[in-house]
C-alpha atoms as a PDB file:
ATOM      1  CA  MET A   1      -0.026  -0.009  -0.019  1.00  0.00           C
ATOM      2  CA  ASN A   2       1.309   3.457  -0.860  1.00  0.00           C
ATOM      3  CA  THR A   3       1.831   5.950   1.782  1.00  0.00           C
ATOM      4  CA  PRO A   4      -0.235   9.218   1.193  1.00  0.00           C
ATOM      5  CA  LEU A   5       1.823  12.204   0.042  1.00  0.00           C
ATOM      6  CA  THR A   6       2.250  15.108   2.488  1.00  0.00           C
ATOM      7  CA  THR A   7       1.010  18.499   1.511  1.00  0.00           C
ATOM      8  CA  GLU A   8       4.647  19.542   0.771  1.00  0.00           C
ATOM      9  CA  GLN A   9       5.105  16.453  -1.435  1.00  0.00           C
ATOM     10  CA  GLN A  10       1.870  17.249  -3.272  1.00  0.00           C
ATOM     11  CA  ILE A  11       3.020  20.859  -3.873  1.00  0.00           C
ATOM     12  CA  GLN A  12       6.399  19.616  -5.152  1.00  0.00           C
ATOM     13  CA  ALA A  13       4.709  17.218  -7.422  1.00  0.00           C
ATOM     14  CA  VAL A  14       2.405  19.983  -8.858  1.00  0.00           C
ATOM     15  CA  LEU A  15       5.412  22.347  -9.407  1.00  0.00           C
ATOM     16  CA  SER A  16       7.431  19.614 -11.043  1.00  0.00           C
ATOM     17  CA  ALA A  17       4.509  18.671 -13.371  1.00  0.00           C
ATOM     18  CA  LEU A  18       4.151  22.313 -14.420  1.00  0.00           C
ATOM     19  CA  ALA A  19       7.853  22.477 -15.201  1.00  0.00           C
ATOM     20  CA  GLU A  20       7.689  19.543 -17.636  1.00  0.00           C
ATOM     21  CA  VAL A  21       8.176  20.249 -21.349  1.00  0.00           C
ATOM     22  CA  GLN A  22       4.981  19.974 -23.025  1.00  0.00           C
ATOM     23  CA  ALA A  23       4.993  18.867 -26.713  1.00  0.00           C
ATOM     24  CA  CYS A  24       2.385  18.272 -29.281  1.00  0.00           C
ATOM     25  CA  ASP A  25       1.664  14.540 -29.957  1.00  0.00           C
ATOM     26  CA  ASN A  26       1.107  15.439 -33.623  1.00  0.00           C
ATOM     27  CA  CYS A  27       4.139  17.550 -34.679  1.00  0.00           C
ATOM     28  CA  GLY A  28       6.334  17.739 -31.494  1.00  0.00           C
ATOM     29  CA  ALA A  29       6.173  21.489 -31.185  1.00  0.00           C
ATOM     30  CA  ARG A  30       6.376  22.871 -27.564  1.00  0.00           C
ATOM     31  CA  PHE A  31       3.362  24.637 -26.170  1.00  0.00           C
ATOM     32  CA  ARG A  32       2.387  26.299 -22.906  1.00  0.00           C
ATOM     33  CA  PHE A  33      -0.569  25.918 -20.562  1.00  0.00           C
ATOM     34  CA  GLY A  34      -3.327  28.117 -21.733  1.00  0.00           C
ATOM     35  CA  ASP A  35      -2.792  27.110 -25.369  1.00  0.00           C
ATOM     36  CA  LEU A  36      -5.947  25.530 -26.740  1.00  0.00           C
ATOM     37  CA  ASP A  37      -4.413  24.462 -30.048  1.00  0.00           C
ATOM     38  CA  CYS A  38      -0.854  23.619 -31.003  1.00  0.00           C
ATOM     39  CA  PRO A  39       0.841  26.797 -32.139  1.00  0.00           C
ATOM     40  CA  HIS A  40       2.525  24.995 -35.013  1.00  0.00           C
ATOM     41  CA  CYS A  41       0.135  22.566 -36.469  1.00  0.00           C
ATOM     42  CA  GLY A  42      -3.189  23.645 -34.876  1.00  0.00           C
ATOM     43  CA  ALA A  43      -3.947  20.257 -33.290  1.00  0.00           C
ATOM     44  CA  GLU A  44      -6.445  20.411 -30.420  1.00  0.00           C
ATOM     45  CA  LEU A  45      -4.643  19.940 -27.100  1.00  0.00           C
ATOM     46  CA  ASP A  46      -7.717  19.098 -24.814  1.00  0.00           C
ATOM     47  CA  ASP A  47      -7.146  15.376 -24.800  1.00  0.00           C
ATOM     48  CA  TYR A  48      -3.364  15.935 -23.951  1.00  0.00           C
ATOM     49  CA  PHE A  49      -4.237  18.219 -21.019  1.00  0.00           C
ATOM     50  CA  ARG A  50      -6.932  15.858 -19.720  1.00  0.00           C
ATOM     51  CA  GLY A  51      -4.455  13.009 -19.742  1.00  0.00           C
ATOM     52  CA  TRP A  52      -1.842  15.116 -18.040  1.00  0.00           C
ATOM     53  CA  ALA A  53      -4.308  16.215 -15.351  1.00  0.00           C
ATOM     54  CA  GLY A  54      -5.493  12.645 -14.754  1.00  0.00           C
ATOM     55  CA  ARG A  55      -1.865  11.506 -14.294  1.00  0.00           C
ATOM     56  CA  LEU A  56      -1.184  14.289 -11.944  1.00  0.00           C
ATOM     57  CA  LEU A  57      -4.301  13.604  -9.785  1.00  0.00           C
ATOM     58  CA  GLU A  58      -3.334   9.991  -9.591  1.00  0.00           C
ATOM     59  CA  LYS A  59       0.266  10.818  -8.608  1.00  0.00           C
ATOM     60  CA  LEU A  60      -1.209  13.060  -5.843  1.00  0.00           C
ATOM     61  CA  GLY A  61      -3.350  10.269  -4.632  1.00  0.00           C
ATOM     62  CA  ILE A  62      -6.536  12.185  -5.363  1.00  0.00           C
ATOM     63  CA  TYR A  63      -7.852  10.128  -8.351  1.00  0.00           C
ATOM     64  CA  PRO A  64      -6.520   6.579  -8.342  1.00  0.00           C
ATOM     65  CA  GLY A  65      -6.862   4.966 -11.695  1.00  0.00           C
ATOM     66  CA  GLY A  66      -7.922   8.222 -13.299  1.00  0.00           C
ATOM     67  CA  PRO A  67      -8.072   8.912 -17.050  1.00  0.00           C
ATOM     68  CA  GLY A  68      -4.859   9.088 -19.047  1.00  0.00           C
ATOM     69  CA  VAL A  69      -2.926   6.643 -16.992  1.00  0.00           C
END
């Protein structure tokens, strides 16, 4: 059984996740949070961000088995 993360560990996990390089699955161009479409090829990024958020919530122990895992 996994030990729950402390609040400080959760904060560090969020900051670390925000610092990850985000790249379009379609063309590989880098994008930033707040972009709705890839700035290079125009691909929609909603599915990417939903998967990223699900993985983060699971890492934080908030949403075990969440989407995008």
